[in-house]
Amino acid sequence: MLHLDTPSDELLKATRAHLVQRGTSLAAFCKENGFVRQSVTLALSGQRTGPRARALFAEFLARVRISA
């Protein structure tokens, strides 16, 4: 089961798939919205879990939902 509040590889894959369905890519979305793709990838996959990564995780997912 996919939990949107828990970083994981599955969440990263689902986010990429969602963006592709919308006609963009993770890299393009990050560039358009001022995110560093590598940092987003590490935060979404759970490879980075510090306070800045958690804040980036929350802000990125909120931005993806708003622009849907």
N, C-alpha and C. Protein backbone atom coordinates (compact mmCIF):
# COMPACT_ATOMS: atom_id res chain seq x y z
N MET A 1 0.85 -1.18 0.00
CA MET A 1 0.00 0.00 0.00
C MET A 1 0.89 1.24 0.00
N LEU A 2 0.52 2.20 -0.82
CA LEU A 2 1.29 3.42 -0.96
C LEU A 2 0.80 4.47 0.04
N HIS A 3 1.72 4.94 0.87
CA HIS A 3 1.40 6.00 1.84
C HIS A 3 2.04 7.29 1.34
N LEU A 4 1.23 8.30 1.14
CA LEU A 4 1.74 9.56 0.61
C LEU A 4 2.52 10.37 1.62
N ASP A 5 2.47 9.98 2.88
CA ASP A 5 3.21 10.73 3.90
C ASP A 5 4.51 10.03 4.29
N THR A 6 4.85 8.93 3.62
CA THR A 6 6.05 8.18 3.93
C THR A 6 6.94 8.07 2.70
N PRO A 7 8.16 8.60 2.76
CA PRO A 7 9.07 8.48 1.62
C PRO A 7 9.39 7.02 1.32
N SER A 8 9.41 6.66 0.05
CA SER A 8 9.76 5.31 -0.37
C SER A 8 10.03 5.29 -1.86
N ASP A 9 10.67 4.20 -2.32
CA ASP A 9 10.91 4.04 -3.75
C ASP A 9 9.59 3.96 -4.50
N GLU A 10 8.60 3.35 -3.89
CA GLU A 10 7.29 3.24 -4.53
C GLU A 10 6.65 4.61 -4.73
N LEU A 11 6.79 5.49 -3.74
CA LEU A 11 6.25 6.84 -3.86
C LEU A 11 6.96 7.60 -4.98
N LEU A 12 8.27 7.44 -5.08
CA LEU A 12 9.02 8.09 -6.14
C LEU A 12 8.52 7.60 -7.51
N LYS A 13 8.36 6.30 -7.65
CA LYS A 13 7.86 5.75 -8.93
C LYS A 13 6.45 6.23 -9.23
N ALA A 14 5.60 6.27 -8.24
CA ALA A 14 4.22 6.72 -8.44
C ALA A 14 4.18 8.20 -8.82
N THR A 15 5.04 9.00 -8.21
CA THR A 15 5.10 10.42 -8.52
C THR A 15 5.58 10.63 -9.95
N ARG A 16 6.62 9.91 -10.33
CA ARG A 16 7.10 9.99 -11.73
C ARG A 16 5.98 9.62 -12.70
N ALA A 17 5.28 8.52 -12.42
CA ALA A 17 4.20 8.06 -13.30
C ALA A 17 3.09 9.11 -13.39
N HIS A 18 2.75 9.71 -12.26
CA HIS A 18 1.71 10.75 -12.23
C HIS A 18 2.12 11.93 -13.11
N LEU A 19 3.36 12.35 -13.01
CA LEU A 19 3.82 13.49 -13.80
C LEU A 19 3.85 13.14 -15.29
N VAL A 20 4.25 11.93 -15.62
CA VAL A 20 4.27 11.50 -17.02
C VAL A 20 2.84 11.49 -17.59
N GLN A 21 1.89 11.03 -16.79
CA GLN A 21 0.49 11.03 -17.23
C GLN A 21 -0.01 12.44 -17.52
N ARG A 22 0.56 13.40 -16.82
CA ARG A 22 0.19 14.80 -17.02
C ARG A 22 0.97 15.45 -18.14
N GLY A 23 1.86 14.69 -18.78
CA GLY A 23 2.60 15.21 -19.92
C GLY A 23 3.90 15.90 -19.59
N THR A 24 4.46 15.64 -18.44
CA THR A 24 5.73 16.23 -18.06
C THR A 24 6.60 15.14 -17.43
N SER A 25 7.77 15.50 -17.01
CA SER A 25 8.66 14.56 -16.33
C SER A 25 9.05 15.14 -14.97
N LEU A 26 9.65 14.31 -14.15
CA LEU A 26 10.11 14.79 -12.85
C LEU A 26 11.12 15.91 -13.03
N ALA A 27 12.06 15.71 -13.94
CA ALA A 27 13.10 16.72 -14.18
C ALA A 27 12.49 18.03 -14.67
N ALA A 28 11.56 17.95 -15.61
CA ALA A 28 10.94 19.16 -16.15
C ALA A 28 10.11 19.87 -15.08
N PHE A 29 9.35 19.10 -14.29
CA PHE A 29 8.54 19.70 -13.24
C PHE A 29 9.44 20.41 -12.22
N CYS A 30 10.52 19.75 -11.84
CA CYS A 30 11.45 20.36 -10.88
C CYS A 30 12.02 21.66 -11.43
N LYS A 31 12.44 21.62 -12.67
CA LYS A 31 13.03 22.81 -13.28
C LYS A 31 12.03 23.96 -13.34
N GLU A 32 10.79 23.66 -13.73
CA GLU A 32 9.75 24.69 -13.84
C GLU A 32 9.36 25.28 -12.49
N ASN A 33 9.51 24.50 -11.42
CA ASN A 33 9.06 24.93 -10.10
C ASN A 33 10.18 25.23 -9.12
N GLY A 34 11.42 25.27 -9.61
CA GLY A 34 12.55 25.69 -8.79
C GLY A 34 13.07 24.66 -7.81
N PHE A 35 12.86 23.38 -8.10
CA PHE A 35 13.38 22.32 -7.25
C PHE A 35 14.63 21.72 -7.88
N VAL A 36 15.52 21.20 -7.06
CA VAL A 36 16.68 20.46 -7.54
C VAL A 36 16.26 18.99 -7.64
N ARG A 37 16.27 18.44 -8.87
CA ARG A 37 15.76 17.10 -9.10
C ARG A 37 16.44 16.06 -8.23
N GLN A 38 17.74 16.14 -8.07
CA GLN A 38 18.46 15.16 -7.27
C GLN A 38 18.01 15.19 -5.81
N SER A 39 17.78 16.37 -5.29
CA SER A 39 17.32 16.50 -3.91
C SER A 39 15.91 15.94 -3.75
N VAL A 40 15.05 16.21 -4.73
CA VAL A 40 13.68 15.70 -4.69
C VAL A 40 13.70 14.17 -4.73
N THR A 41 14.51 13.61 -5.62
CA THR A 41 14.61 12.15 -5.74
C THR A 41 15.05 11.52 -4.43
N LEU A 42 16.05 12.09 -3.79
CA LEU A 42 16.54 11.55 -2.52
C LEU A 42 15.51 11.70 -1.41
N ALA A 43 14.79 12.81 -1.40
CA ALA A 43 13.77 13.02 -0.36
C ALA A 43 12.57 12.10 -0.56
N LEU A 44 12.10 11.96 -1.80
CA LEU A 44 10.93 11.12 -2.06
C LEU A 44 11.21 9.64 -1.82
N SER A 45 12.44 9.22 -2.12
CA SER A 45 12.78 7.80 -1.96
C SER A 45 13.14 7.45 -0.52
N GLY A 46 13.35 8.46 0.33
CA GLY A 46 13.68 8.20 1.72
C GLY A 46 15.16 8.03 1.98
N GLN A 47 15.99 8.32 0.99
CA GLN A 47 17.43 8.21 1.17
C GLN A 47 17.98 9.35 2.01
N ARG A 48 17.25 10.46 2.06
CA ARG A 48 17.59 11.59 2.93
C ARG A 48 16.37 11.84 3.81
N THR A 49 16.58 11.93 5.13
CA THR A 49 15.45 12.03 6.05
C THR A 49 15.58 13.17 7.05
N GLY A 50 16.52 14.05 6.82
CA GLY A 50 16.71 15.16 7.75
C GLY A 50 15.60 16.19 7.65
N PRO A 51 15.66 17.23 8.47
CA PRO A 51 14.60 18.24 8.49
C PRO A 51 14.42 18.94 7.13
N ARG A 52 15.52 19.26 6.45
CA ARG A 52 15.40 19.92 5.14
C ARG A 52 14.79 18.98 4.11
N ALA A 53 15.15 17.70 4.16
CA ALA A 53 14.58 16.72 3.23
C ALA A 53 13.09 16.53 3.49
N ARG A 54 12.70 16.50 4.75
CA ARG A 54 11.28 16.36 5.09
C ARG A 54 10.48 17.57 4.62
N ALA A 55 11.06 18.76 4.76
CA ALA A 55 10.39 19.98 4.30
C ALA A 55 10.27 19.98 2.78
N LEU A 56 11.33 19.57 2.10
CA LEU A 56 11.32 19.48 0.64
C LEU A 56 10.28 18.46 0.18
N PHE A 57 10.23 17.33 0.85
CA PHE A 57 9.26 16.27 0.56
C PHE A 57 7.84 16.83 0.61
N ALA A 58 7.51 17.51 1.68
CA ALA A 58 6.16 18.05 1.87
C ALA A 58 5.85 19.15 0.85
N GLU A 59 6.80 20.04 0.62
CA GLU A 59 6.57 21.14 -0.31
C GLU A 59 6.41 20.63 -1.74
N PHE A 60 7.24 19.66 -2.13
CA PHE A 60 7.16 19.12 -3.48
C PHE A 60 5.82 18.44 -3.72
N LEU A 61 5.41 17.57 -2.80
CA LEU A 61 4.13 16.88 -2.99
C LEU A 61 2.96 17.85 -3.00
N ALA A 62 3.02 18.89 -2.18
CA ALA A 62 1.96 19.90 -2.19
C ALA A 62 1.91 20.61 -3.53
N ARG A 63 3.06 20.94 -4.08
CA ARG A 63 3.12 21.63 -5.37
C ARG A 63 2.61 20.73 -6.49
N VAL A 64 2.93 19.45 -6.43
CA VAL A 64 2.43 18.51 -7.45
C VAL A 64 0.91 18.44 -7.38
N ARG A 65 0.35 18.39 -6.18
CA ARG A 65 -1.11 18.32 -6.03
C ARG A 65 -1.78 19.60 -6.51
N ILE A 66 -1.19 20.76 -6.21
CA ILE A 66 -1.79 22.04 -6.58
C ILE A 66 -1.81 22.21 -8.09
N SER A 67 -0.76 21.79 -8.75
CA SER A 67 -0.67 22.01 -10.19
C SER A 67 -1.40 20.94 -10.99
N ALA A 68 -2.05 20.02 -10.31
CA ALA A 68 -2.75 18.92 -11.02
C ALA A 68 -3.96 19.44 -11.76
